[in-house]
Amino acid sequence: MSLQYLSDENGQIIAVQVPITDWEMLRRKYPEIEAPAPGLPDWQKELIDLRLKAIEENPGRILPVDSLLAELDRNQE
């Protein structure tokens, strides 16, 4: 198996790439390997719903990301 390792800017390994033929063999041998990731917890879903409702009630609260970045730059000066 010919693995490739991916590193972050500090040299820490953060991921491994597996050739597709090896991945397919692993999937056949271990079918549970692709078990679905758990969904969002209920508290996160509720928080998203609250935020979406707030946006719906006051769409003017949403600003372009450029405005946010400009404001952050001003606050750092």
N, C-alpha and C. Protein backbone atom coordinates (compact mmCIF):
# COMPACT_ATOMS: atom_id res chain seq x y z
N MET A 1 0.86 -1.17 0.00
CA MET A 1 0.00 0.00 0.00
C MET A 1 0.90 1.23 0.00
N SER A 2 0.65 2.10 -0.94
CA SER A 2 1.45 3.31 -1.10
C SER A 2 0.68 4.50 -0.53
N LEU A 3 0.97 4.85 0.70
CA LEU A 3 0.26 5.94 1.36
C LEU A 3 0.97 7.27 1.13
N GLN A 4 0.17 8.35 1.11
CA GLN A 4 0.73 9.69 1.06
C GLN A 4 0.24 10.44 2.31
N TYR A 5 1.15 11.13 2.94
CA TYR A 5 0.83 11.87 4.16
C TYR A 5 0.76 13.36 3.84
N LEU A 6 -0.24 14.01 4.40
CA LEU A 6 -0.38 15.46 4.24
C LEU A 6 -0.05 16.12 5.56
N SER A 7 0.71 17.19 5.48
CA SER A 7 1.15 17.91 6.69
C SER A 7 0.64 19.33 6.67
N ASP A 8 0.47 19.90 7.87
CA ASP A 8 0.11 21.31 7.95
C ASP A 8 1.38 22.16 7.89
N GLU A 9 1.22 23.47 8.06
CA GLU A 9 2.36 24.37 7.95
C GLU A 9 3.42 24.14 9.03
N ASN A 10 3.05 23.41 10.10
CA ASN A 10 4.01 23.12 11.17
C ASN A 10 4.66 21.75 11.02
N GLY A 11 4.34 21.06 9.93
CA GLY A 11 4.92 19.74 9.70
C GLY A 11 4.16 18.61 10.37
N GLN A 12 3.06 18.92 11.03
CA GLN A 12 2.25 17.90 11.69
C GLN A 12 1.42 17.16 10.65
N ILE A 13 1.42 15.84 10.69
CA ILE A 13 0.61 15.06 9.75
C ILE A 13 -0.86 15.24 10.12
N ILE A 14 -1.66 15.65 9.13
CA ILE A 14 -3.08 15.90 9.38
C ILE A 14 -4.00 15.00 8.56
N ALA A 15 -3.44 14.27 7.60
CA ALA A 15 -4.27 13.39 6.78
C ALA A 15 -3.40 12.35 6.08
N VAL A 16 -4.06 11.29 5.66
CA VAL A 16 -3.40 10.23 4.91
C VAL A 16 -4.23 9.96 3.68
N GLN A 17 -3.57 9.87 2.53
CA GLN A 17 -4.26 9.50 1.30
C GLN A 17 -3.94 8.05 0.99
N VAL A 18 -5.01 7.31 0.64
CA VAL A 18 -4.89 5.90 0.31
C VAL A 18 -5.25 5.74 -1.16
N PRO A 19 -4.46 5.01 -1.94
CA PRO A 19 -4.84 4.78 -3.34
C PRO A 19 -6.22 4.14 -3.43
N ILE A 20 -6.98 4.50 -4.45
CA ILE A 20 -8.37 4.06 -4.55
C ILE A 20 -8.50 2.54 -4.59
N THR A 21 -7.59 1.85 -5.22
CA THR A 21 -7.67 0.38 -5.25
C THR A 21 -7.53 -0.20 -3.85
N ASP A 22 -6.65 0.37 -3.06
CA ASP A 22 -6.49 -0.08 -1.68
C ASP A 22 -7.73 0.27 -0.85
N TRP A 23 -8.29 1.46 -1.09
CA TRP A 23 -9.49 1.88 -0.37
C TRP A 23 -10.65 0.93 -0.66
N GLU A 24 -10.82 0.57 -1.93
CA GLU A 24 -11.90 -0.35 -2.30
C GLU A 24 -11.71 -1.71 -1.64
N MET A 25 -10.48 -2.20 -1.55
CA MET A 25 -10.20 -3.45 -0.87
C MET A 25 -10.55 -3.35 0.62
N LEU A 26 -10.17 -2.24 1.24
CA LEU A 26 -10.49 -2.03 2.65
C LEU A 26 -11.99 -1.98 2.89
N ARG A 27 -12.72 -1.32 1.96
CA ARG A 27 -14.18 -1.24 2.10
C ARG A 27 -14.83 -2.61 2.01
N ARG A 28 -14.31 -3.46 1.13
CA ARG A 28 -14.87 -4.82 1.02
C ARG A 28 -14.58 -5.62 2.28
N LYS A 29 -13.37 -5.47 2.79
CA LYS A 29 -12.96 -6.25 3.96
C LYS A 29 -13.62 -5.75 5.24
N TYR A 30 -13.83 -4.43 5.33
CA TYR A 30 -14.41 -3.82 6.53
C TYR A 30 -15.58 -2.92 6.12
N PRO A 31 -16.76 -3.50 5.84
CA PRO A 31 -17.88 -2.69 5.35
C PRO A 31 -18.32 -1.58 6.32
N GLU A 32 -18.06 -1.75 7.59
CA GLU A 32 -18.47 -0.72 8.56
C GLU A 32 -17.59 0.52 8.50
N ILE A 33 -16.53 0.47 7.71
CA ILE A 33 -15.59 1.60 7.63
C ILE A 33 -16.27 2.87 7.14
N GLU A 34 -17.34 2.73 6.36
CA GLU A 34 -18.03 3.90 5.83
C GLU A 34 -19.34 4.17 6.56
N ALA A 35 -19.39 3.84 7.82
CA ALA A 35 -20.59 4.14 8.60
C ALA A 35 -20.84 5.64 8.53
N PRO A 36 -22.08 6.04 8.37
CA PRO A 36 -22.35 7.48 8.26
C PRO A 36 -21.94 8.22 9.53
N ALA A 37 -21.45 9.41 9.30
CA ALA A 37 -21.10 10.25 10.44
C ALA A 37 -22.37 10.63 11.18
N PRO A 38 -22.27 10.78 12.48
CA PRO A 38 -23.47 11.17 13.23
C PRO A 38 -23.94 12.55 12.79
N GLY A 39 -25.24 12.75 12.84
CA GLY A 39 -25.81 14.05 12.47
C GLY A 39 -25.51 15.10 13.51
N LEU A 40 -26.00 16.28 13.25
CA LEU A 40 -25.83 17.37 14.21
C LEU A 40 -26.62 17.06 15.47
N PRO A 41 -26.09 17.39 16.62
CA PRO A 41 -26.87 17.23 17.85
C PRO A 41 -28.06 18.19 17.84
N ASP A 42 -29.09 17.84 18.56
CA ASP A 42 -30.31 18.65 18.60
C ASP A 42 -30.04 20.09 19.02
N TRP A 43 -29.12 20.31 19.97
CA TRP A 43 -28.87 21.68 20.42
C TRP A 43 -28.30 22.53 19.29
N GLN A 44 -27.50 21.91 18.40
CA GLN A 44 -26.96 22.67 17.27
C GLN A 44 -28.05 22.98 16.25
N LYS A 45 -28.94 22.02 16.02
CA LYS A 45 -30.05 22.25 15.10
C LYS A 45 -30.94 23.38 15.62
N GLU A 46 -31.20 23.38 16.93
CA GLU A 46 -32.03 24.43 17.53
C GLU A 46 -31.36 25.80 17.39
N LEU A 47 -30.06 25.85 17.59
CA LEU A 47 -29.32 27.10 17.47
C LEU A 47 -29.37 27.61 16.03
N ILE A 48 -29.20 26.73 15.08
CA ILE A 48 -29.29 27.12 13.67
C ILE A 48 -30.68 27.65 13.36
N ASP A 49 -31.71 26.95 13.85
CA ASP A 49 -33.09 27.41 13.62
C ASP A 49 -33.31 28.80 14.20
N LEU A 50 -32.79 29.05 15.41
CA LEU A 50 -32.93 30.37 16.03
C LEU A 50 -32.26 31.45 15.20
N ARG A 51 -31.07 31.15 14.70
CA ARG A 51 -30.32 32.13 13.91
C ARG A 51 -31.01 32.39 12.57
N LEU A 52 -31.52 31.34 11.94
CA LEU A 52 -32.25 31.52 10.69
C LEU A 52 -33.51 32.35 10.89
N LYS A 53 -34.20 32.13 12.01
CA LYS A 53 -35.40 32.91 12.31
C LYS A 53 -35.04 34.38 12.52
N ALA A 54 -33.94 34.63 13.23
CA ALA A 54 -33.51 36.02 13.47
C ALA A 54 -33.17 36.71 12.15
N ILE A 55 -32.55 35.99 11.24
CA ILE A 55 -32.23 36.57 9.93
C ILE A 55 -33.50 36.85 9.15
N GLU A 56 -34.44 35.92 9.22
CA GLU A 56 -35.71 36.10 8.51
C GLU A 56 -36.46 37.32 9.03
N GLU A 57 -36.42 37.52 10.34
CA GLU A 57 -37.13 38.64 10.95
C GLU A 57 -36.43 39.97 10.71
N ASN A 58 -35.12 39.94 10.51
CA ASN A 58 -34.37 41.17 10.30
C ASN A 58 -33.24 40.93 9.30
N PRO A 59 -33.56 40.83 8.01
CA PRO A 59 -32.54 40.51 7.01
C PRO A 59 -31.44 41.57 6.90
N GLY A 60 -31.68 42.78 7.40
CA GLY A 60 -30.66 43.81 7.36
C GLY A 60 -29.47 43.53 8.25
N ARG A 61 -29.60 42.54 9.13
CA ARG A 61 -28.49 42.18 10.02
C ARG A 61 -27.36 41.49 9.27
N ILE A 62 -27.66 40.95 8.11
CA ILE A 62 -26.65 40.23 7.33
C ILE A 62 -25.89 41.22 6.45
N LEU A 63 -24.59 41.23 6.59
CA LEU A 63 -23.73 42.11 5.82
C LEU A 63 -22.79 41.27 4.97
N PRO A 64 -22.30 41.83 3.87
CA PRO A 64 -21.33 41.10 3.05
C PRO A 64 -20.06 40.82 3.85
N VAL A 65 -19.41 39.73 3.53
CA VAL A 65 -18.20 39.34 4.26
C VAL A 65 -17.11 40.41 4.13
N ASP A 66 -17.08 41.14 3.02
CA ASP A 66 -16.09 42.21 2.86
C ASP A 66 -16.25 43.27 3.95
N SER A 67 -17.50 43.55 4.33
CA SER A 67 -17.74 44.53 5.40
C SER A 67 -17.20 44.02 6.73
N LEU A 68 -17.41 42.75 6.99
CA LEU A 68 -16.90 42.16 8.22
C LEU A 68 -15.38 42.22 8.26
N LEU A 69 -14.74 41.84 7.16
CA LEU A 69 -13.28 41.85 7.13
C LEU A 69 -12.73 43.26 7.28
N ALA A 70 -13.38 44.23 6.66
CA ALA A 70 -12.94 45.62 6.80
C ALA A 70 -13.07 46.07 8.26
N GLU A 71 -14.17 45.71 8.90
CA GLU A 71 -14.36 46.09 10.30
C GLU A 71 -13.31 45.43 11.19
N LEU A 72 -13.01 44.17 10.93
CA LEU A 72 -11.98 43.49 11.72
C LEU A 72 -10.63 44.16 11.53
N ASP A 73 -10.33 44.56 10.30
CA ASP A 73 -9.05 45.26 10.04
C ASP A 73 -9.01 46.59 10.82
N ARG A 74 -10.13 47.33 10.82
CA ARG A 74 -10.17 48.60 11.54
C ARG A 74 -9.96 48.38 13.04
N ASN A 75 -10.52 47.31 13.57
CA ASN A 75 -10.40 47.04 15.02
C ASN A 75 -8.99 46.63 15.40
N GLN A 76 -8.18 46.16 14.47
CA GLN A 76 -6.82 45.75 14.79
C GLN A 76 -5.85 46.92 14.75
N GLU A 77 -6.26 48.03 14.17
CA GLU A 77 -5.35 49.18 14.06
C GLU A 77 -5.23 49.92 15.36
